[in-house]
Amino acid sequence: MSAPDQNGPVFAEPWQAQAFALAVRLSAEGHFTWKEWAATLADELKAAADRGEPDDGSRYYHYWLAALERLVIAKNLADADALASRKEAWADAYRHTPHGKPVELITPLNSLHK
């Protein structure tokens, strides 16, 4: 968990900090502009509001991750099917990991690229 701001921790979970850092890094490397990033995140936040999801900040980094996935696919940095397969592999590994043990992805690493 990162240092708290005036309202509490900036990142509640390590994956949130990782998603944040990945978006910053990919933008810094020129894969997308920060303006593109902001517009994509705004689209995700608007879609959530349109679905009636609460605007309490609890799912902010879920929308951040959804925006990041959209850009990664749109910029051909990863293939949508490969990304979905990888997410399912992690979910399956999680479901089969005993409580208190680290989750490990044992399947062979397949490229996320087309």
PDB file of N, CA and C in Angstrom:
ATOM      1  N   MET A   1       0.849  -1.168   0.000  1.00  0.00           N
ATOM      2  CA  MET A   1       0.000   0.000   0.000  1.00  0.00           C
ATOM      3  C   MET A   1       0.896   1.233   0.000  1.00  0.00           C
ATOM      4  N   SER A   2       0.530   2.212  -0.748  1.00  0.00           N
ATOM      5  CA  SER A   2       1.331   3.432  -0.830  1.00  0.00           C
ATOM      6  C   SER A   2       1.003   4.370   0.322  1.00  0.00           C
ATOM      7  N   ALA A   3       1.761   5.435   0.384  1.00  0.00           N
ATOM      8  CA  ALA A   3       1.534   6.432   1.430  1.00  0.00           C
ATOM      9  C   ALA A   3       0.131   7.009   1.301  1.00  0.00           C
ATOM     10  N   PRO A   4      -0.551   7.205   2.417  1.00  0.00           N
ATOM     11  CA  PRO A   4      -1.913   7.728   2.342  1.00  0.00           C
ATOM     12  C   PRO A   4      -1.934   9.200   1.942  1.00  0.00           C
ATOM     13  N   ASP A   5      -3.001   9.584   1.262  1.00  0.00           N
ATOM     14  CA  ASP A   5      -3.219  11.004   1.021  1.00  0.00           C
ATOM     15  C   ASP A   5      -4.171  11.483   2.115  1.00  0.00           C
ATOM     16  N   GLN A   6      -4.739  12.655   1.992  1.00  0.00           N
ATOM     17  CA  GLN A   6      -5.603  13.187   3.043  1.00  0.00           C
ATOM     18  C   GLN A   6      -6.867  12.371   3.256  1.00  0.00           C
ATOM     19  N   ASN A   7      -7.263  11.574   2.261  1.00  0.00           N
ATOM     20  CA  ASN A   7      -8.480  10.771   2.358  1.00  0.00           C
ATOM     21  C   ASN A   7      -8.207   9.298   2.596  1.00  0.00           C
ATOM     22  N   GLY A   8      -6.952   8.897   2.718  1.00  0.00           N
ATOM     23  CA  GLY A   8      -6.613   7.495   2.909  1.00  0.00           C
ATOM     24  C   GLY A   8      -5.576   7.060   1.898  1.00  0.00           C
ATOM     25  N   PRO A   9      -5.354   5.759   1.793  1.00  0.00           N
ATOM     26  CA  PRO A   9      -4.323   5.242   0.876  1.00  0.00           C
ATOM     27  C   PRO A   9      -4.642   5.576  -0.579  1.00  0.00           C
ATOM     28  N   VAL A  10      -3.611   5.851  -1.348  1.00  0.00           N
ATOM     29  CA  VAL A  10      -3.786   6.108  -2.766  1.00  0.00           C
ATOM     30  C   VAL A  10      -4.130   4.805  -3.479  1.00  0.00           C
ATOM     31  N   PHE A  11      -3.438   3.721  -3.126  1.00  0.00           N
ATOM     32  CA  PHE A  11      -3.671   2.410  -3.719  1.00  0.00           C
ATOM     33  C   PHE A  11      -4.048   1.439  -2.607  1.00  0.00           C
ATOM     34  N   ALA A  12      -5.209   0.840  -2.728  1.00  0.00           N
ATOM     35  CA  ALA A  12      -5.655  -0.126  -1.723  1.00  0.00           C
ATOM     36  C   ALA A  12      -5.025  -1.493  -1.939  1.00  0.00           C
ATOM     37  N   GLU A  13      -4.627  -1.784  -3.173  1.00  0.00           N
ATOM     38  CA  GLU A  13      -4.074  -3.093  -3.529  1.00  0.00           C
ATOM     39  C   GLU A  13      -2.856  -2.901  -4.428  1.00  0.00           C
ATOM     40  N   PRO A  14      -1.895  -3.818  -4.376  1.00  0.00           N
ATOM     41  CA  PRO A  14      -0.707  -3.699  -5.236  1.00  0.00           C
ATOM     42  C   PRO A  14      -1.033  -3.636  -6.727  1.00  0.00           C
ATOM     43  N   TRP A  15      -2.058  -4.372  -7.171  1.00  0.00           N
ATOM     44  CA  TRP A  15      -2.379  -4.381  -8.601  1.00  0.00           C
ATOM     45  C   TRP A  15      -2.778  -2.991  -9.093  1.00  0.00           C
ATOM     46  N   GLN A  16      -3.347  -2.180  -8.206  1.00  0.00           N
ATOM     47  CA  GLN A  16      -3.744  -0.834  -8.596  1.00  0.00           C
ATOM     48  C   GLN A  16      -2.514   0.014  -8.908  1.00  0.00           C
ATOM     49  N   ALA A  17      -1.507  -0.087  -8.062  1.00  0.00           N
ATOM     50  CA  ALA A  17      -0.265   0.639  -8.304  1.00  0.00           C
ATOM     51  C   ALA A  17       0.410   0.138  -9.571  1.00  0.00           C
ATOM     52  N   GLN A  18       0.345  -1.168  -9.813  1.00  0.00           N
ATOM     53  CA  GLN A  18       0.946  -1.738 -11.014  1.00  0.00           C
ATOM     54  C   GLN A  18       0.230  -1.261 -12.267  1.00  0.00           C
ATOM     55  N   ALA A  19      -1.098  -1.213 -12.236  1.00  0.00           N
ATOM     56  CA  ALA A  19      -1.860  -0.722 -13.390  1.00  0.00           C
ATOM     57  C   ALA A  19      -1.543   0.748 -13.640  1.00  0.00           C
ATOM     58  N   PHE A  20      -1.453   1.525 -12.586  1.00  0.00           N
ATOM     59  CA  PHE A  20      -1.103   2.937 -12.701  1.00  0.00           C
ATOM     60  C   PHE A  20       0.273   3.087 -13.346  1.00  0.00           C
ATOM     61  N   ALA A  21       1.244   2.360 -12.824  1.00  0.00           N
ATOM     62  CA  ALA A  21       2.616   2.451 -13.333  1.00  0.00           C
ATOM     63  C   ALA A  21       2.705   1.998 -14.786  1.00  0.00           C
ATOM     64  N   LEU A  22       1.961   0.978 -15.148  1.00  0.00           N
ATOM     65  CA  LEU A  22       1.988   0.489 -16.521  1.00  0.00           C
ATOM     66  C   LEU A  22       1.431   1.527 -17.489  1.00  0.00           C
ATOM     67  N   ALA A  23       0.345   2.172 -17.116  1.00  0.00           N
ATOM     68  CA  ALA A  23      -0.228   3.222 -17.973  1.00  0.00           C
ATOM     69  C   ALA A  23       0.763   4.372 -18.140  1.00  0.00           C
ATOM     70  N   VAL A  24       1.385   4.783 -17.050  1.00  0.00           N
ATOM     71  CA  VAL A  24       2.370   5.866 -17.119  1.00  0.00           C
ATOM     72  C   VAL A  24       3.535   5.455 -18.010  1.00  0.00           C
ATOM     73  N   ARG A  25       4.025   4.242 -17.850  1.00  0.00           N
ATOM     74  CA  ARG A  25       5.177   3.764 -18.628  1.00  0.00           C
ATOM     75  C   ARG A  25       4.853   3.661 -20.118  1.00  0.00           C
ATOM     76  N   LEU A  26       3.702   3.078 -20.441  1.00  0.00           N
ATOM     77  CA  LEU A  26       3.339   2.934 -21.854  1.00  0.00           C
ATOM     78  C   LEU A  26       3.159   4.296 -22.515  1.00  0.00           C
ATOM     79  N   SER A  27       2.615   5.246 -21.791  1.00  0.00           N
ATOM     80  CA  SER A  27       2.485   6.597 -22.332  1.00  0.00           C
ATOM     81  C   SER A  27       3.864   7.229 -22.510  1.00  0.00           C
ATOM     82  N   ALA A  28       4.722   7.088 -21.520  1.00  0.00           N
ATOM     83  CA  ALA A  28       6.071   7.656 -21.594  1.00  0.00           C
ATOM     84  C   ALA A  28       6.868   7.068 -22.756  1.00  0.00           C
ATOM     85  N   GLU A  29       6.596   5.806 -23.076  1.00  0.00           N
ATOM     86  CA  GLU A  29       7.283   5.144 -24.195  1.00  0.00           C
ATOM     87  C   GLU A  29       6.650   5.484 -25.545  1.00  0.00           C
ATOM     88  N   GLY A  30       5.585   6.279 -25.534  1.00  0.00           N
ATOM     89  CA  GLY A  30       4.990   6.737 -26.779  1.00  0.00           C
ATOM     90  C   GLY A  30       3.946   5.827 -27.384  1.00  0.00           C
ATOM     91  N   HIS A  31       3.466   4.844 -26.637  1.00  0.00           N
ATOM     92  CA  HIS A  31       2.445   3.933 -27.176  1.00  0.00           C
ATOM     93  C   HIS A  31       1.080   4.612 -27.284  1.00  0.00           C
ATOM     94  N   PHE A  32       0.837   5.598 -26.425  1.00  0.00           N
ATOM     95  CA  PHE A  32      -0.348   6.435 -26.515  1.00  0.00           C
ATOM     96  C   PHE A  32      -0.050   7.728 -25.769  1.00  0.00           C
ATOM     97  N   THR A  33      -0.786   8.766 -26.133  1.00  0.00           N
ATOM     98  CA  THR A  33      -0.571  10.051 -25.464  1.00  0.00           C
ATOM     99  C   THR A  33      -1.377  10.079 -24.167  1.00  0.00           C
ATOM    100  N   TRP A  34      -1.002  10.983 -23.282  1.00  0.00           N
ATOM    101  CA  TRP A  34      -1.755  11.103 -22.045  1.00  0.00           C
ATOM    102  C   TRP A  34      -3.155  11.625 -22.332  1.00  0.00           C
ATOM    103  N   LYS A  35      -3.302  12.412 -23.402  1.00  0.00           N
ATOM    104  CA  LYS A  35      -4.638  12.886 -23.804  1.00  0.00           C
ATOM    105  C   LYS A  35      -5.507  11.695 -24.231  1.00  0.00           C
ATOM    106  N   GLU A  36      -4.933  10.755 -24.992  1.00  0.00           N
ATOM    107  CA  GLU A  36      -5.672   9.539 -25.374  1.00  0.00           C
ATOM    108  C   GLU A  36      -6.065   8.755 -24.122  1.00  0.00           C
ATOM    109  N   TRP A  37      -5.104   8.647 -23.194  1.00  0.00           N
ATOM    110  CA  TRP A  37      -5.359   7.919 -21.956  1.00  0.00           C
ATOM    111  C   TRP A  37      -6.530   8.546 -21.189  1.00  0.00           C
ATOM    112  N   ALA A  38      -6.473   9.867 -21.010  1.00  0.00           N
ATOM    113  CA  ALA A  38      -7.511  10.564 -20.254  1.00  0.00           C
ATOM    114  C   ALA A  38      -8.880  10.394 -20.916  1.00  0.00           C
ATOM    115  N   ALA A  39      -8.928  10.456 -22.236  1.00  0.00           N
ATOM    116  CA  ALA A  39     -10.194  10.297 -22.956  1.00  0.00           C
ATOM    117  C   ALA A  39     -10.736   8.871 -22.790  1.00  0.00           C
ATOM    118  N   THR A  40      -9.868   7.886 -22.851  1.00  0.00           N
ATOM    119  CA  THR A  40     -10.298   6.487 -22.710  1.00  0.00           C
ATOM    120  C   THR A  40     -10.797   6.229 -21.292  1.00  0.00           C
ATOM    121  N   LEU A  41     -10.079   6.738 -20.305  1.00  0.00           N
ATOM    122  CA  LEU A  41     -10.529   6.588 -18.919  1.00  0.00           C
ATOM    123  C   LEU A  41     -11.857   7.305 -18.708  1.00  0.00           C
ATOM    124  N   ALA A  42     -12.001   8.503 -19.270  1.00  0.00           N
ATOM    125  CA  ALA A  42     -13.266   9.238 -19.152  1.00  0.00           C
ATOM    126  C   ALA A  42     -14.413   8.435 -19.765  1.00  0.00           C
ATOM    127  N   ASP A  43     -14.157   7.767 -20.896  1.00  0.00           N
ATOM    128  CA  ASP A  43     -15.177   6.925 -21.520  1.00  0.00           C
ATOM    129  C   ASP A  43     -15.589   5.785 -20.585  1.00  0.00           C
ATOM    130  N   GLU A  44     -14.600   5.169 -19.933  1.00  0.00           N
ATOM    131  CA  GLU A  44     -14.895   4.071 -19.006  1.00  0.00           C
ATOM    132  C   GLU A  44     -15.712   4.568 -17.813  1.00  0.00           C
ATOM    133  N   LEU A  45     -15.345   5.725 -17.286  1.00  0.00           N
ATOM    134  CA  LEU A  45     -16.076   6.288 -16.145  1.00  0.00           C
ATOM    135  C   LEU A  45     -17.504   6.659 -16.535  1.00  0.00           C
ATOM    136  N   LYS A  46     -17.680   7.214 -17.737  1.00  0.00           N
ATOM    137  CA  LYS A  46     -19.017   7.563 -18.212  1.00  0.00           C
ATOM    138  C   LYS A  46     -19.860   6.307 -18.415  1.00  0.00           C
ATOM    139  N   ALA A  47     -19.257   5.268 -18.998  1.00  0.00           N
ATOM    140  CA  ALA A  47     -19.991   4.015 -19.216  1.00  0.00           C
ATOM    141  C   ALA A  47     -20.449   3.425 -17.876  1.00  0.00           C
ATOM    142  N   ALA A  48     -19.597   3.508 -16.873  1.00  0.00           N
ATOM    143  CA  ALA A  48     -19.976   3.004 -15.546  1.00  0.00           C
ATOM    144  C   ALA A  48     -21.143   3.807 -14.983  1.00  0.00           C
ATOM    145  N   ALA A  49     -21.081   5.116 -15.127  1.00  0.00           N
ATOM    146  CA  ALA A  49     -22.174   5.966 -14.651  1.00  0.00           C
ATOM    147  C   ALA A  49     -23.461   5.655 -15.405  1.00  0.00           C
ATOM    148  N   ASP A  50     -23.346   5.445 -16.719  1.00  0.00           N
ATOM    149  CA  ASP A  50     -24.518   5.118 -17.539  1.00  0.00           C
ATOM    150  C   ASP A  50     -25.137   3.783 -17.122  1.00  0.00           C
ATOM    151  N   ARG A  51     -24.299   2.870 -16.608  1.00  0.00           N
ATOM    152  CA  ARG A  51     -24.801   1.577 -16.121  1.00  0.00           C
ATOM    153  C   ARG A  51     -25.391   1.690 -14.719  1.00  0.00           C
ATOM    154  N   GLY A  52     -25.267   2.876 -14.115  1.00  0.00           N
ATOM    155  CA  GLY A  52     -25.803   3.088 -12.780  1.00  0.00           C
ATOM    156  C   GLY A  52     -24.890   2.627 -11.662  1.00  0.00           C
ATOM    157  N   GLU A  53     -23.623   2.403 -11.984  1.00  0.00           N
ATOM    158  CA  GLU A  53     -22.688   1.981 -10.942  1.00  0.00           C
ATOM    159  C   GLU A  53     -22.409   3.146 -10.006  1.00  0.00           C
ATOM    160  N   PRO A  54     -22.245   2.860  -8.715  1.00  0.00           N
ATOM    161  CA  PRO A  54     -22.031   3.948  -7.760  1.00  0.00           C
ATOM    162  C   PRO A  54     -20.725   4.696  -8.019  1.00  0.00           C
ATOM    163  N   ASP A  55     -20.763   5.994  -7.791  1.00  0.00           N
ATOM    164  CA  ASP A  55     -19.592   6.846  -7.985  1.00  0.00           C
ATOM    165  C   ASP A  55     -18.962   7.131  -6.620  1.00  0.00           C
ATOM    166  N   ASP A  56     -18.517   6.051  -5.956  1.00  0.00           N
ATOM    167  CA  ASP A  56     -17.951   6.205  -4.620  1.00  0.00           C
ATOM    168  C   ASP A  56     -16.437   5.996  -4.585  1.00  0.00           C
ATOM    169  N   GLY A  57     -15.820   5.814  -5.762  1.00  0.00           N
ATOM    170  CA  GLY A  57     -14.379   5.657  -5.843  1.00  0.00           C
ATOM    171  C   GLY A  57     -13.874   4.247  -5.613  1.00  0.00           C
ATOM    172  N   SER A  58     -14.731   3.351  -5.164  1.00  0.00           N
ATOM    173  CA  SER A  58     -14.287   1.996  -4.821  1.00  0.00           C
ATOM    174  C   SER A  58     -13.866   1.180  -6.037  1.00  0.00           C
ATOM    175  N   ARG A  59     -14.347   1.540  -7.211  1.00  0.00           N
ATOM    176  CA  ARG A  59     -14.018   0.762  -8.414  1.00  0.00           C
ATOM    177  C   ARG A  59     -13.170   1.564  -9.402  1.00  0.00           C
ATOM    178  N   TYR A  60     -12.629   2.666  -8.953  1.00  0.00           N
ATOM    179  CA  TYR A  60     -11.873   3.554  -9.838  1.00  0.00           C
ATOM    180  C   TYR A  60     -10.771   2.815 -10.594  1.00  0.00           C
ATOM    181  N   TYR A  61      -9.980   2.014  -9.903  1.00  0.00           N
ATOM    182  CA  TYR A  61      -8.884   1.342 -10.590  1.00  0.00           C
ATOM    183  C   TYR A  61      -9.349   0.170 -11.447  1.00  0.00           C
ATOM    184  N   HIS A  62     -10.553  -0.303 -11.229  1.00  0.00           N
ATOM    185  CA  HIS A  62     -11.127  -1.282 -12.166  1.00  0.00           C
ATOM    186  C   HIS A  62     -11.376  -0.597 -13.513  1.00  0.00           C
ATOM    187  N   TYR A  63     -11.858   0.641 -13.444  1.00  0.00           N
ATOM    188  CA  TYR A  63     -12.081   1.408 -14.682  1.00  0.00           C
ATOM    189  C   TYR A  63     -10.747   1.789 -15.312  1.00  0.00           C
ATOM    190  N   TRP A  64      -9.768   2.097 -14.467  1.00  0.00           N
ATOM    191  CA  TRP A  64      -8.412   2.407 -14.941  1.00  0.00           C
ATOM    192  C   TRP A  64      -7.873   1.215 -15.728  1.00  0.00           C
ATOM    193  N   LEU A  65      -8.029   0.015 -15.152  1.00  0.00           N
ATOM    194  CA  LEU A  65      -7.544  -1.196 -15.816  1.00  0.00           C
ATOM    195  C   LEU A  65      -8.308  -1.460 -17.103  1.00  0.00           C
ATOM    196  N   ALA A  66      -9.618  -1.251 -17.099  1.00  0.00           N
ATOM    197  CA  ALA A  66     -10.420  -1.442 -18.319  1.00  0.00           C
ATOM    198  C   ALA A  66      -9.958  -0.487 -19.411  1.00  0.00           C
ATOM    199  N   ALA A  67      -9.670   0.760 -19.048  1.00  0.00           N
ATOM    200  CA  ALA A  67      -9.182   1.738 -20.024  1.00  0.00           C
ATOM    201  C   ALA A  67      -7.818   1.309 -20.554  1.00  0.00           C
ATOM    202  N   LEU A  68      -6.972   0.831 -19.676  1.00  0.00           N
ATOM    203  CA  LEU A  68      -5.641   0.376 -20.091  1.00  0.00           C
ATOM    204  C   LEU A  68      -5.755  -0.805 -21.057  1.00  0.00           C
ATOM    205  N   GLU A  69      -6.620  -1.751 -20.749  1.00  0.00           N
ATOM    206  CA  GLU A  69      -6.815  -2.898 -21.642  1.00  0.00           C
ATOM    207  C   GLU A  69      -7.323  -2.446 -23.012  1.00  0.00           C
ATOM    208  N   ARG A  70      -8.262  -1.510 -23.029  1.00  0.00           N
ATOM    209  CA  ARG A  70      -8.779  -0.996 -24.310  1.00  0.00           C
ATOM    210  C   ARG A  70      -7.662  -0.393 -25.153  1.00  0.00           C
ATOM    211  N   LEU A  71      -6.822   0.416 -24.525  1.00  0.00           N
ATOM    212  CA  LEU A  71      -5.738   1.057 -25.278  1.00  0.00           C
ATOM    213  C   LEU A  71      -4.697   0.053 -25.742  1.00  0.00           C
ATOM    214  N   VAL A  72      -4.360  -0.892 -24.899  1.00  0.00           N
ATOM    215  CA  VAL A  72      -3.365  -1.907 -25.260  1.00  0.00           C
ATOM    216  C   VAL A  72      -3.839  -2.701 -26.479  1.00  0.00           C
ATOM    217  N   ILE A  73      -5.122  -3.019 -26.512  1.00  0.00           N
ATOM    218  CA  ILE A  73      -5.683  -3.739 -27.658  1.00  0.00           C
ATOM    219  C   ILE A  73      -5.762  -2.823 -28.876  1.00  0.00           C
ATOM    220  N   ALA A  74      -6.259  -1.601 -28.681  1.00  0.00           N
ATOM    221  CA  ALA A  74      -6.398  -0.655 -29.796  1.00  0.00           C
ATOM    222  C   ALA A  74      -5.061  -0.323 -30.443  1.00  0.00           C
ATOM    223  N   LYS A  75      -4.011  -0.299 -29.660  1.00  0.00           N
ATOM    224  CA  LYS A  75      -2.679   0.033 -30.169  1.00  0.00           C
ATOM    225  C   LYS A  75      -1.900  -1.208 -30.602  1.00  0.00           C
ATOM    226  N   ASN A  76      -2.579  -2.344 -30.647  1.00  0.00           N
ATOM    227  CA  ASN A  76      -1.979  -3.611 -31.068  1.00  0.00           C
ATOM    228  C   ASN A  76      -0.767  -4.006 -30.227  1.00  0.00           C
ATOM    229  N   LEU A  77      -0.816  -3.666 -28.947  1.00  0.00           N
ATOM    230  CA  LEU A  77       0.237  -4.096 -28.029  1.00  0.00           C
ATOM    231  C   LEU A  77      -0.056  -5.492 -27.494  1.00  0.00           C
ATOM    232  N   ALA A  78      -1.311  -5.893 -27.572  1.00  0.00           N
ATOM    233  CA  ALA A  78      -1.734  -7.230 -27.162  1.00  0.00           C
ATOM    234  C   ALA A  78      -2.983  -7.596 -27.943  1.00  0.00           C
ATOM    235  N   ASP A  79      -3.165  -8.865 -28.130  1.00  0.00           N
ATOM    236  CA  ASP A  79      -4.334  -9.404 -28.814  1.00  0.00           C
ATOM    237  C   ASP A  79      -5.454  -9.613 -27.787  1.00  0.00           C
ATOM    238  N   ALA A  80      -6.665  -9.223 -28.130  1.00  0.00           N
ATOM    239  CA  ALA A  80      -7.799  -9.319 -27.198  1.00  0.00           C
ATOM    240  C   ALA A  80      -8.036 -10.749 -26.730  1.00  0.00           C
ATOM    241  N   ASP A  81      -7.966 -11.721 -27.644  1.00  0.00           N
ATOM    242  CA  ASP A  81      -8.203 -13.117 -27.261  1.00  0.00           C
ATOM    243  C   ASP A  81      -7.105 -13.628 -26.333  1.00  0.00           C
ATOM    244  N   ALA A  82      -5.870 -13.273 -26.622  1.00  0.00           N
ATOM    245  CA  ALA A  82      -4.765 -13.706 -25.768  1.00  0.00           C
ATOM    246  C   ALA A  82      -4.869 -13.059 -24.390  1.00  0.00           C
ATOM    247  N   LEU A  83      -5.268 -11.805 -24.362  1.00  0.00           N
ATOM    248  CA  LEU A  83      -5.444 -11.109 -23.092  1.00  0.00           C
ATOM    249  C   LEU A  83      -6.554 -11.772 -22.276  1.00  0.00           C
ATOM    250  N   ALA A  84      -7.668 -12.098 -22.916  1.00  0.00           N
ATOM    251  CA  ALA A  84      -8.773 -12.775 -22.229  1.00  0.00           C
ATOM    252  C   ALA A  84      -8.344 -14.151 -21.724  1.00  0.00           C
ATOM    253  N   SER A  85      -7.571 -14.867 -22.521  1.00  0.00           N
ATOM    254  CA  SER A  85      -7.085 -16.186 -22.104  1.00  0.00           C
ATOM    255  C   SER A  85      -6.173 -16.082 -20.896  1.00  0.00           C
ATOM    256  N   ARG A  86      -5.314 -15.071 -20.910  1.00  0.00           N
ATOM    257  CA  ARG A  86      -4.401 -14.888 -19.781  1.00  0.00           C
ATOM    258  C   ARG A  86      -5.175 -14.537 -18.509  1.00  0.00           C
ATOM    259  N   LYS A  87      -6.181 -13.678 -18.629  1.00  0.00           N
ATOM    260  CA  LYS A  87      -6.997 -13.318 -17.474  1.00  0.00           C
ATOM    261  C   LYS A  87      -7.711 -14.552 -16.909  1.00  0.00           C
ATOM    262  N   GLU A  88      -8.223 -15.398 -17.791  1.00  0.00           N
ATOM    263  CA  GLU A  88      -8.898 -16.610 -17.337  1.00  0.00           C
ATOM    264  C   GLU A  88      -7.910 -17.574 -16.689  1.00  0.00           C
ATOM    265  N   ALA A  89      -6.698 -17.664 -17.223  1.00  0.00           N
ATOM    266  CA  ALA A  89      -5.688 -18.534 -16.618  1.00  0.00           C
ATOM    267  C   ALA A  89      -5.368 -18.082 -15.190  1.00  0.00           C
ATOM    268  N   TRP A  90      -5.249 -16.766 -14.996  1.00  0.00           N
ATOM    269  CA  TRP A  90      -4.998 -16.250 -13.654  1.00  0.00           C
ATOM    270  C   TRP A  90      -6.187 -16.520 -12.741  1.00  0.00           C
ATOM    271  N   ALA A  91      -7.395 -16.324 -13.240  1.00  0.00           N
ATOM    272  CA  ALA A  91      -8.589 -16.584 -12.436  1.00  0.00           C
ATOM    273  C   ALA A  91      -8.658 -18.056 -12.038  1.00  0.00           C
ATOM    274  N   ASP A  92      -8.335 -18.945 -12.976  1.00  0.00           N
ATOM    275  CA  ASP A  92      -8.335 -20.373 -12.693  1.00  0.00           C
ATOM    276  C   ASP A  92      -7.262 -20.720 -11.657  1.00  0.00           C
ATOM    277  N   ALA A  93      -6.088 -20.131 -11.802  1.00  0.00           N
ATOM    278  CA  ALA A  93      -5.023 -20.368 -10.828  1.00  0.00           C
ATOM    279  C   ALA A  93      -5.455 -19.895  -9.438  1.00  0.00           C
ATOM    280  N   TYR A  94      -6.112 -18.758  -9.385  1.00  0.00           N
ATOM    281  CA  TYR A  94      -6.602 -18.219  -8.119  1.00  0.00           C
ATOM    282  C   TYR A  94      -7.611 -19.169  -7.475  1.00  0.00           C
ATOM    283  N   ARG A  95      -8.549 -19.656  -8.292  1.00  0.00           N
ATOM    284  CA  ARG A  95      -9.584 -20.548  -7.769  1.00  0.00           C
ATOM    285  C   ARG A  95      -9.011 -21.861  -7.238  1.00  0.00           C
ATOM    286  N   HIS A  96      -7.865 -22.272  -7.760  1.00  0.00           N
ATOM    287  CA  HIS A  96      -7.267 -23.550  -7.369  1.00  0.00           C
ATOM    288  C   HIS A  96      -6.096 -23.410  -6.402  1.00  0.00           C
ATOM    289  N   THR A  97      -5.892 -22.232  -5.878  1.00  0.00           N
ATOM    290  CA  THR A  97      -4.806 -22.010  -4.920  1.00  0.00           C
ATOM    291  C   THR A  97      -5.359 -22.093  -3.506  1.00  0.00           C
ATOM    292  N   PRO A  98      -4.748 -22.910  -2.665  1.00  0.00           N
ATOM    293  CA  PRO A  98      -5.214 -22.998  -1.274  1.00  0.00           C
ATOM    294  C   PRO A  98      -5.102 -21.644  -0.567  1.00  0.00           C
ATOM    295  N   HIS A  99      -6.025 -21.411   0.335  1.00  0.00           N
ATOM    296  CA  HIS A  99      -6.049 -20.160   1.097  1.00  0.00           C
ATOM    297  C   HIS A  99      -4.706 -19.934   1.781  1.00  0.00           C
ATOM    298  N   GLY A 100      -4.213 -18.712   1.653  1.00  0.00           N
ATOM    299  CA  GLY A 100      -2.966 -18.345   2.303  1.00  0.00           C
ATOM    300  C   GLY A 100      -1.720 -18.626   1.482  1.00  0.00           C
ATOM    301  N   LYS A 101      -1.870 -19.278   0.358  1.00  0.00           N
ATOM    302  CA  LYS A 101      -0.730 -19.590  -0.503  1.00  0.00           C
ATOM    303  C   LYS A 101      -0.664 -18.573  -1.638  1.00  0.00           C
ATOM    304  N   PRO A 102       0.534 -18.314  -2.145  1.00  0.00           N
ATOM    305  CA  PRO A 102       0.628 -17.389  -3.279  1.00  0.00           C
ATOM    306  C   PRO A 102       0.042 -18.006  -4.545  1.00  0.00           C
ATOM    307  N   VAL A 103      -0.599 -17.177  -5.329  1.00  0.00           N
ATOM    308  CA  VAL A 103      -1.159 -17.622  -6.604  1.00  0.00           C
ATOM    309  C   VAL A 103      -0.032 -17.664  -7.622  1.00  0.00           C
ATOM    310  N   GLU A 104       0.099 -18.800  -8.293  1.00  0.00           N
ATOM    311  CA  GLU A 104       1.132 -18.953  -9.316  1.00  0.00           C
ATOM    312  C   GLU A 104       0.492 -19.396 -10.621  1.00  0.00           C
ATOM    313  N   LEU A 105       0.907 -18.774 -11.702  1.00  0.00           N
ATOM    314  CA  LEU A 105       0.441 -19.158 -13.025  1.00  0.00           C
ATOM    315  C   LEU A 105       1.458 -20.143 -13.577  1.00  0.00           C
ATOM    316  N   ILE A 106       1.049 -21.393 -13.700  1.00  0.00           N
ATOM    317  CA  ILE A 106       1.973 -22.451 -14.089  1.00  0.00           C
ATOM    318  C   ILE A 106       1.924 -22.748 -15.579  1.00  0.00           C
ATOM    319  N   THR A 107       0.864 -22.341 -16.254  1.00  0.00           N
ATOM    320  CA  THR A 107       0.746 -22.609 -17.681  1.00  0.00           C
ATOM    321  C   THR A 107       1.866 -21.932 -18.450  1.00  0.00           C
ATOM    322  N   PRO A 108       2.250 -22.475 -19.597  1.00  0.00           N
ATOM    323  CA  PRO A 108       3.314 -21.844 -20.390  1.00  0.00           C
ATOM    324  C   PRO A 108       2.944 -20.431 -20.789  1.00  0.00           C
ATOM    325  N   LEU A 109       3.934 -19.591 -20.842  1.00  0.00           N
ATOM    326  CA  LEU A 109       3.734 -18.198 -21.220  1.00  0.00           C
ATOM    327  C   LEU A 109       3.498 -18.131 -22.728  1.00  0.00           C
ATOM    328  N   ASN A 110       2.318 -17.674 -23.094  1.00  0.00           N
ATOM    329  CA  ASN A 110       1.997 -17.460 -24.502  1.00  0.00           C
ATOM    330  C   ASN A 110       2.063 -15.974 -24.775  1.00  0.00           C
ATOM    331  N   SER A 111       2.432 -15.626 -25.946  1.00  0.00           N
ATOM    332  CA  SER A 111       2.531 -14.210 -26.307  1.00  0.00           C
ATOM    333  C   SER A 111       1.165 -13.563 -26.269  1.00  0.00           C
ATOM    334  N   LEU A 112       1.138 -12.320 -25.822  1.00  0.00           N
ATOM    335  CA  LEU A 112      -0.100 -11.546 -25.843  1.00  0.00           C
ATOM    336  C   LEU A 112      -0.245 -10.802 -27.155  1.00  0.00           C
ATOM    337  N   HIS A 113       0.748 -10.933 -28.017  1.00  0.00           N
ATOM    338  CA  HIS A 113       0.720 -10.241 -29.303  1.00  0.00           C
ATOM    339  C   HIS A 113       0.050 -11.091 -30.354  1.00  0.00           C
ATOM    340  N   LYS A 114      -0.441 -10.422 -31.377  1.00  0.00           N
ATOM    341  CA  LYS A 114      -1.057 -11.116 -32.514  1.00  0.00           C
ATOM    342  C   LYS A 114      -0.022 -11.911 -33.261  1.00  0.00           C
TER     343      LYS A 114
END
